[in-house]
Amino acid sequence: MTMLDSHDSVGVRDAVATWHEVEKGFWVGNTHGRFLGTVESTPSGYVTRDDAGGIVGTYSVVAEARAAIG
């Protein structure tokens, strides 16, 4: 699945994010070699962390979690 990157600071707003499931229930996102953050499946939902490891939020749908950071 791909999402649009919303990080204005690097000028890649229209770049396509790539998501990789590196472990069951744990995805990392990047675009053009830039790390966007992670999404982790937990019993309470999909926890999203930004590129610095800060929690962005918890979402009930993985697509919403990915969209929150990429």
Foldseek 3Di string as FASTA:
>chain_A
DWDAACDPVVPRRRFIKDWDDPDVQKIWIDTPPHTAWIWGQDPVAIWTAGPVRHTPDGDNDVVVNVNSGD
